[in-house]
């Protein structure tokens, strides 16, 4: 059974930082592309950042230079380091695992990030 558990969300002031974690189980982590998405009320879910099995990364233009995605295959965990946070980064952040072998896609339950003074 695939399970993705996000953690690290919370309330932070503008300009602050947070690090999200997503711990995976039930998958062969090393062959999955891992992605972070976010969704704000009334908006569609959007891709924030992704990291392939080989370590290649991609980012939404809105977070380039501020967010960094990384993965630790030994710990089956993907991280999202978020710096210089803005109020518009407020959203529920979701972890996604996409198997490069089977194309199966799995989601976590989400973690709330609120950027406010």
Protein backbone atom coordinates (compact mmCIF):
# COMPACT_ATOMS: atom_id res chain seq x y z
CA UNK A 1 0.00 0.00 0.00
CA UNK A 2 1.41 3.34 -1.08
CA UNK A 3 1.60 5.98 1.59
CA UNK A 4 2.92 9.53 1.34
CA UNK A 5 3.04 11.59 4.52
CA UNK A 6 3.80 15.29 4.35
CA UNK A 7 5.00 17.34 7.30
CA UNK A 8 6.60 20.68 8.03
CA UNK A 9 3.79 23.05 7.18
CA UNK A 10 2.70 25.89 9.43
CA UNK A 11 2.35 29.62 9.87
CA UNK A 12 5.29 31.81 8.91
CA UNK A 13 5.79 35.53 8.40
CA UNK A 14 6.56 36.96 4.97
CA UNK A 15 10.24 36.54 4.21
CA UNK A 16 10.50 33.48 6.41
CA UNK A 17 11.38 29.89 5.59
CA UNK A 18 9.88 26.44 5.97
CA UNK A 19 11.04 22.98 4.98
CA UNK A 20 8.43 20.45 3.93
CA UNK A 21 9.09 16.73 4.05
CA UNK A 22 7.30 13.85 2.36
CA UNK A 23 8.03 10.36 3.60
CA UNK A 24 7.09 7.57 1.20
CA UNK A 25 6.35 3.92 1.83
CA UNK A 26 4.96 1.11 -0.29
CA UNK A 27 6.78 2.24 -3.43
CA UNK A 28 10.20 1.72 -4.98
CA UNK A 29 11.20 5.28 -4.16
CA UNK A 30 14.26 5.37 -6.39
CA UNK A 31 12.29 4.96 -9.61
CA UNK A 32 9.69 7.57 -8.82
CA UNK A 33 9.62 11.16 -9.96
CA UNK A 34 8.62 13.14 -6.90
CA UNK A 35 6.71 16.40 -7.15
CA UNK A 36 5.26 19.05 -4.90
CA UNK A 37 1.97 20.68 -5.87
CA UNK A 38 -0.06 23.33 -4.09
CA UNK A 39 -3.66 24.44 -4.08
CA UNK A 40 -5.20 27.63 -2.75
CA UNK A 41 -8.94 28.13 -2.15
CA UNK A 42 -10.71 28.71 -5.44
CA UNK A 43 -7.66 27.86 -7.52
CA UNK A 44 -6.54 24.82 -9.44
CA UNK A 45 -3.81 22.61 -8.06
CA UNK A 46 -0.49 23.72 -9.54
CA UNK A 47 2.92 22.14 -9.87
CA UNK A 48 5.52 23.76 -7.64
CA UNK A 49 8.61 21.61 -8.16
CA UNK A 50 9.68 18.17 -9.31
CA UNK A 51 12.74 15.94 -9.05
CA UNK A 52 13.37 12.91 -11.21
CA UNK A 53 14.97 9.63 -10.24
CA UNK A 54 18.24 10.93 -11.66
CA UNK A 55 18.08 14.12 -9.64
CA UNK A 56 17.01 16.50 -12.40
CA UNK A 57 14.76 19.24 -11.11
CA UNK A 58 12.19 21.67 -12.42
CA UNK A 59 10.35 24.57 -10.81
CA UNK A 60 7.38 26.81 -11.40
CA UNK A 61 8.49 30.27 -12.45
CA UNK A 62 6.84 31.75 -9.36
CA UNK A 63 9.17 29.87 -6.99
CA UNK A 64 12.44 29.75 -8.93
CA UNK A 65 15.32 31.03 -6.84
CA UNK A 66 13.31 30.72 -3.62
CA UNK A 67 12.37 27.03 -3.36
CA UNK A 68 14.64 24.00 -3.59
CA UNK A 69 13.49 20.42 -4.02
CA UNK A 70 15.73 17.55 -2.99
CA UNK A 71 15.44 13.84 -2.28
CA UNK A 72 17.08 11.31 0.01
CA UNK A 73 16.61 7.89 -1.53
CA UNK A 74 18.04 6.16 1.54
CA UNK A 75 15.26 7.69 3.65
CA UNK A 76 12.53 7.48 0.96
CA UNK A 77 11.93 11.18 1.55
CA UNK A 78 11.60 14.25 -0.62
CA UNK A 79 12.00 17.77 0.72
CA UNK A 80 10.94 21.24 -0.31
CA UNK A 81 13.00 24.04 1.18
CA UNK A 82 11.01 27.26 0.90
CA UNK A 83 12.77 30.58 1.48
CA UNK A 84 11.67 34.19 1.11
CA UNK A 85 8.07 33.13 1.51
CA UNK A 86 5.32 35.42 0.27
CA UNK A 87 1.64 35.63 1.19
CA UNK A 88 0.81 34.24 -2.26
CA UNK A 89 2.65 31.02 -1.33
CA UNK A 90 -0.17 30.29 1.12
CA UNK A 91 -1.74 26.98 0.10
CA UNK A 92 -2.09 23.33 0.93
CA UNK A 93 1.04 21.60 -0.34
CA UNK A 94 0.75 18.06 -1.68
CA UNK A 95 3.40 15.48 -2.37
CA UNK A 96 3.07 13.31 -5.47
CA UNK A 97 4.94 10.17 -6.49
CA UNK A 98 4.93 9.14 -10.15
CA UNK A 99 6.39 5.77 -11.01
CA UNK A 100 8.62 5.95 -14.06
CA UNK A 101 8.06 2.19 -14.52
CA UNK A 102 4.29 1.81 -14.16
CA UNK A 103 3.09 5.44 -14.51
CA UNK A 104 1.17 4.98 -11.26
CA UNK A 105 0.54 8.25 -9.41
CA UNK A 106 0.06 8.60 -5.66
CA UNK A 107 -0.79 11.60 -3.46
CA UNK A 108 -0.26 12.58 0.11
CA UNK A 109 -2.91 14.17 2.30
CA UNK A 110 -1.40 17.65 2.13
CA UNK A 111 0.10 20.08 4.61
CA UNK A 112 -1.06 23.66 5.12
CA UNK A 113 1.39 26.51 4.61
CA UNK A 114 0.22 29.97 5.65
CA UNK A 115 2.35 33.05 5.06
CA UNK A 116 1.00 35.99 6.99
CA UNK A 117 2.08 38.75 9.32
